[in-house]
Amino acid sequence: MDKKSYLTDEQYLDILGKIEDKLNTNISIMAGDSDTIGDKSVSSNIGFCNDDFTTLETALFPDLFVEHGRKSMKQRLANHACPFDNRVRTKENLQGRLMNLGCGCFYTCSLQGNKPSNEDLKDYVADTKNKFLTGELDKINEIIRK
């Protein structure tokens, strides 16, 4: 694993803080997904799929971030869950589709369909942060991998 390609724990926690700050502005949540074959992806203005949370330090391609505004964020470690990934709460493994909480949440994003309230989303962030700090996300990953 090339550690330069992954967020550090400190960067992960910092982004969770940015998400909390954004939710405290009572932002109107926007989310969308692409179900094109070979391009299943989710985007939102509030989750880890929001490129606006990328900084020079968290950019996967820092040279292109500065010169060309490429905002691809570094990859998340297995226990770096997006707070809006339902697997954080359900611990569901989706029959092996997703191997860990650090990989995409196309099938498990709570921002799709009936969106939770901002208060619920704030609770999700606090819950995810607590589970990360106590090591529970590591335990959830063990369940998901089975």
C-alpha atoms as a PDB file:
ATOM      1  CA  MET A   1       0.000   0.000   0.000  1.00  0.00           C
ATOM      2  CA  ASP A   2       1.361   3.385  -1.013  1.00  0.00           C
ATOM      3  CA  LYS A   3       0.617   5.463   2.093  1.00  0.00           C
ATOM      4  CA  LYS A   4       0.867   8.675   0.069  1.00  0.00           C
ATOM      5  CA  SER A   5      -2.311   7.649  -1.773  1.00  0.00           C
ATOM      6  CA  TYR A   6      -4.396   7.334   1.409  1.00  0.00           C
ATOM      7  CA  LEU A   7      -5.833   9.823   3.864  1.00  0.00           C
ATOM      8  CA  THR A   8      -4.247   9.843   7.282  1.00  0.00           C
ATOM      9  CA  ASP A   9      -6.462   9.382  10.337  1.00  0.00           C
ATOM     10  CA  GLU A  10      -6.018  13.066  11.120  1.00  0.00           C
ATOM     11  CA  GLN A  11      -7.108  14.092   7.614  1.00  0.00           C
ATOM     12  CA  TYR A  12     -10.110  11.765   7.855  1.00  0.00           C
ATOM     13  CA  LEU A  13     -11.188  13.318  11.160  1.00  0.00           C
ATOM     14  CA  ASP A  14     -10.653  16.807   9.730  1.00  0.00           C
ATOM     15  CA  ILE A  15     -12.998  16.033   6.830  1.00  0.00           C
ATOM     16  CA  LEU A  16     -15.606  14.679   9.250  1.00  0.00           C
ATOM     17  CA  GLY A  17     -15.313  18.058  11.011  1.00  0.00           C
ATOM     18  CA  LYS A  18     -15.841  19.897   7.716  1.00  0.00           C
ATOM     19  CA  ILE A  19     -18.950  17.804   7.076  1.00  0.00           C
ATOM     20  CA  GLU A  20     -20.241  18.681  10.559  1.00  0.00           C
ATOM     21  CA  ASP A  21     -19.574  22.367   9.949  1.00  0.00           C
ATOM     22  CA  LYS A  22     -21.417  22.225   6.633  1.00  0.00           C
ATOM     23  CA  LEU A  23     -24.422  20.516   8.248  1.00  0.00           C
ATOM     24  CA  ASN A  24     -24.496  23.211  10.922  1.00  0.00           C
ATOM     25  CA  THR A  25     -25.259  25.750   8.188  1.00  0.00           C
ATOM     26  CA  ASN A  26     -28.524  23.847   7.529  1.00  0.00           C
ATOM     27  CA  ILE A  27     -27.441  23.263   3.956  1.00  0.00           C
ATOM     28  CA  SER A  28     -29.969  21.817   1.544  1.00  0.00           C
ATOM     29  CA  ILE A  29     -28.664  18.324   0.805  1.00  0.00           C
ATOM     30  CA  MET A  30     -28.132  17.418  -2.830  1.00  0.00           C
ATOM     31  CA  ALA A  31     -27.129  13.966  -3.975  1.00  0.00           C
ATOM     32  CA  GLY A  32     -27.096  12.053  -7.201  1.00  0.00           C
ATOM     33  CA  ASP A  33     -25.859   8.791  -8.575  1.00  0.00           C
ATOM     34  CA  SER A  34     -24.724   7.388 -11.863  1.00  0.00           C
ATOM     35  CA  ASP A  35     -25.830   3.852 -12.549  1.00  0.00           C
ATOM     36  CA  THR A  36     -24.131   3.670 -15.924  1.00  0.00           C
ATOM     37  CA  ILE A  37     -22.511   0.274 -16.395  1.00  0.00           C
ATOM     38  CA  GLY A  38     -18.860   0.607 -15.411  1.00  0.00           C
ATOM     39  CA  ASP A  39     -19.447   3.999 -13.783  1.00  0.00           C
ATOM     40  CA  LYS A  40     -21.493   3.380 -10.654  1.00  0.00           C
ATOM     41  CA  SER A  41     -20.785   6.422  -8.555  1.00  0.00           C
ATOM     42  CA  VAL A  42     -22.411   8.718  -6.042  1.00  0.00           C
ATOM     43  CA  SER A  43     -21.978  12.451  -5.639  1.00  0.00           C
ATOM     44  CA  SER A  44     -23.252  14.849  -3.023  1.00  0.00           C
ATOM     45  CA  ASN A  45     -22.560  18.242  -1.559  1.00  0.00           C
ATOM     46  CA  ILE A  46     -22.015  16.826   1.918  1.00  0.00           C
ATOM     47  CA  GLY A  47     -20.301  13.397   1.930  1.00  0.00           C
ATOM     48  CA  PHE A  48     -16.807  12.196   1.145  1.00  0.00           C
ATOM     49  CA  CYS A  49     -17.811  12.317  -2.522  1.00  0.00           C
ATOM     50  CA  ASN A  50     -17.849  16.139  -2.332  1.00  0.00           C
ATOM     51  CA  ASP A  51     -14.681  17.249  -4.100  1.00  0.00           C
ATOM     52  CA  ASP A  52     -14.919  20.646  -2.390  1.00  0.00           C
ATOM     53  CA  PHE A  53     -13.577  19.018   0.801  1.00  0.00           C
ATOM     54  CA  THR A  54     -10.303  18.227  -1.001  1.00  0.00           C
ATOM     55  CA  THR A  55      -7.295  20.347  -0.040  1.00  0.00           C
ATOM     56  CA  LEU A  56      -3.742  20.314  -1.336  1.00  0.00           C
ATOM     57  CA  GLU A  57      -2.807  17.966   1.529  1.00  0.00           C
ATOM     58  CA  THR A  58      -5.663  15.546   0.799  1.00  0.00           C
ATOM     59  CA  ALA A  59      -5.420  15.685  -2.996  1.00  0.00           C
ATOM     60  CA  LEU A  60      -4.515  12.438  -4.727  1.00  0.00           C
ATOM     61  CA  PHE A  61      -2.676  14.413  -7.410  1.00  0.00           C
ATOM     62  CA  PRO A  62      -1.331  17.512  -5.610  1.00  0.00           C
ATOM     63  CA  ASP A  63       0.529  18.837  -8.659  1.00  0.00           C
ATOM     64  CA  LEU A  64      -2.627  18.734 -10.753  1.00  0.00           C
ATOM     65  CA  PHE A  65      -4.681  20.146  -7.873  1.00  0.00           C
ATOM     66  CA  VAL A  66      -2.633  23.334  -7.891  1.00  0.00           C
ATOM     67  CA  GLU A  67      -2.094  23.676 -11.631  1.00  0.00           C
ATOM     68  CA  HIS A  68      -5.384  22.364 -13.005  1.00  0.00           C
ATOM     69  CA  GLY A  69      -7.806  22.236 -10.084  1.00  0.00           C
ATOM     70  CA  ARG A  70      -8.057  18.435 -10.133  1.00  0.00           C
ATOM     71  CA  LYS A  71      -9.892  17.698  -6.888  1.00  0.00           C
ATOM     72  CA  SER A  72      -9.635  13.918  -6.637  1.00  0.00           C
ATOM     73  CA  MET A  73      -9.283  13.084  -2.956  1.00  0.00           C
ATOM     74  CA  LYS A  74      -6.862  10.499  -1.633  1.00  0.00           C
ATOM     75  CA  GLN A  75      -8.325   7.077  -1.002  1.00  0.00           C
ATOM     76  CA  ARG A  76      -9.821   6.243   2.364  1.00  0.00           C
ATOM     77  CA  LEU A  77      -8.468   3.459   4.538  1.00  0.00           C
ATOM     78  CA  ALA A  78     -10.756   0.511   5.287  1.00  0.00           C
ATOM     79  CA  ASN A  79     -11.985   2.099   8.516  1.00  0.00           C
ATOM     80  CA  HIS A  80     -12.490   5.578   7.044  1.00  0.00           C
ATOM     81  CA  ALA A  81     -16.245   5.297   6.578  1.00  0.00           C
ATOM     82  CA  CYS A  82     -18.372   7.999   5.048  1.00  0.00           C
ATOM     83  CA  PRO A  83     -20.889   8.883   7.770  1.00  0.00           C
ATOM     84  CA  PHE A  84     -23.702   8.525   5.249  1.00  0.00           C
ATOM     85  CA  ASP A  85     -22.826   4.944   4.344  1.00  0.00           C
ATOM     86  CA  ASN A  86     -25.665   2.867   5.802  1.00  0.00           C
ATOM     87  CA  ARG A  87     -23.243   0.020   6.536  1.00  0.00           C
ATOM     88  CA  VAL A  88     -21.930   2.057   9.493  1.00  0.00           C
ATOM     89  CA  ARG A  89     -25.298   1.502  11.140  1.00  0.00           C
ATOM     90  CA  THR A  90     -26.576  -1.746   9.574  1.00  0.00           C
ATOM     91  CA  LYS A  91     -23.261  -3.657   9.318  1.00  0.00           C
ATOM     92  CA  GLU A  92     -24.721  -5.266   6.170  1.00  0.00           C
ATOM     93  CA  ASN A  93     -22.216  -6.900   3.819  1.00  0.00           C
ATOM     94  CA  LEU A  94     -24.358  -6.754   0.649  1.00  0.00           C
ATOM     95  CA  GLN A  95     -23.292 -10.238  -0.394  1.00  0.00           C
ATOM     96  CA  GLY A  96     -19.665  -9.312  -0.941  1.00  0.00           C
ATOM     97  CA  ARG A  97     -20.255  -6.301  -3.217  1.00  0.00           C
ATOM     98  CA  LEU A  98     -18.233  -3.981  -1.009  1.00  0.00           C
ATOM     99  CA  MET A  99     -15.197  -5.273   0.845  1.00  0.00           C
ATOM    100  CA  ASN A 100     -14.733  -2.508   3.427  1.00  0.00           C
ATOM    101  CA  LEU A 101     -16.087   0.808   4.625  1.00  0.00           C
ATOM    102  CA  GLY A 102     -13.345   2.711   2.818  1.00  0.00           C
ATOM    103  CA  CYS A 103     -14.614   1.756  -0.622  1.00  0.00           C
ATOM    104  CA  GLY A 104     -17.541   3.377  -2.372  1.00  0.00           C
ATOM    105  CA  CYS A 105     -21.080   3.457  -1.112  1.00  0.00           C
ATOM    106  CA  PHE A 106     -23.103   3.431  -4.353  1.00  0.00           C
ATOM    107  CA  TYR A 107     -25.368   0.710  -2.981  1.00  0.00           C
ATOM    108  CA  THR A 108     -25.432   1.950   0.613  1.00  0.00           C
ATOM    109  CA  CYS A 109     -25.630   5.762   0.546  1.00  0.00           C
ATOM    110  CA  SER A 110     -28.265   7.150   2.919  1.00  0.00           C
ATOM    111  CA  LEU A 111     -28.413  10.375   0.886  1.00  0.00           C
ATOM    112  CA  GLN A 112     -30.228   8.619  -1.966  1.00  0.00           C
ATOM    113  CA  GLY A 113     -34.010   8.304  -2.032  1.00  0.00           C
ATOM    114  CA  ASN A 114     -35.728   9.425   1.173  1.00  0.00           C
ATOM    115  CA  LYS A 115     -33.098  11.713   2.610  1.00  0.00           C
ATOM    116  CA  PRO A 116     -32.673  11.905   6.391  1.00  0.00           C
ATOM    117  CA  SER A 117     -33.101  15.251   8.148  1.00  0.00           C
ATOM    118  CA  ASN A 118     -30.093  17.474   8.872  1.00  0.00           C
ATOM    119  CA  GLU A 119     -30.375  16.480  12.554  1.00  0.00           C
ATOM    120  CA  ASP A 120     -30.231  12.795  11.598  1.00  0.00           C
ATOM    121  CA  LEU A 121     -27.229  13.490   9.370  1.00  0.00           C
ATOM    122  CA  LYS A 122     -25.475  15.295  12.232  1.00  0.00           C
ATOM    123  CA  ASP A 123     -26.135  12.230  14.393  1.00  0.00           C
ATOM    124  CA  TYR A 124     -24.660  10.000  11.654  1.00  0.00           C
ATOM    125  CA  VAL A 125     -21.464  12.082  11.640  1.00  0.00           C
ATOM    126  CA  ALA A 126     -21.150  11.983  15.439  1.00  0.00           C
ATOM    127  CA  ASP A 127     -21.859   8.228  15.467  1.00  0.00           C
ATOM    128  CA  THR A 128     -19.295   7.530  12.730  1.00  0.00           C
ATOM    129  CA  LYS A 129     -16.653   9.637  14.463  1.00  0.00           C
ATOM    130  CA  ASN A 130     -17.275   7.836  17.758  1.00  0.00           C
ATOM    131  CA  LYS A 131     -17.144   4.419  16.080  1.00  0.00           C
ATOM    132  CA  PHE A 132     -13.862   5.362  14.383  1.00  0.00           C
ATOM    133  CA  LEU A 133     -12.265   6.627  17.601  1.00  0.00           C
ATOM    134  CA  THR A 134     -13.352   3.560  19.608  1.00  0.00           C
ATOM    135  CA  GLY A 135     -12.267   1.067  16.934  1.00  0.00           C
ATOM    136  CA  GLU A 136     -15.804  -0.132  16.226  1.00  0.00           C
ATOM    137  CA  LEU A 137     -15.438   0.616  12.497  1.00  0.00           C
ATOM    138  CA  ASP A 138     -12.645  -1.976  12.414  1.00  0.00           C
ATOM    139  CA  LYS A 139     -15.068  -4.520  13.914  1.00  0.00           C
ATOM    140  CA  ILE A 140     -17.763  -3.589  11.395  1.00  0.00           C
ATOM    141  CA  ASN A 141     -15.245  -4.151   8.576  1.00  0.00           C
ATOM    142  CA  GLU A 142     -14.662  -7.679   9.892  1.00  0.00           C
ATOM    143  CA  ILE A 143     -18.404  -8.334   9.676  1.00  0.00           C
ATOM    144  CA  ILE A 144     -18.629  -6.865   6.160  1.00  0.00           C
ATOM    145  CA  ARG A 145     -15.736  -9.019   4.877  1.00  0.00           C
ATOM    146  CA  LYS A 146     -17.463 -12.257   5.912  1.00  0.00           C
END
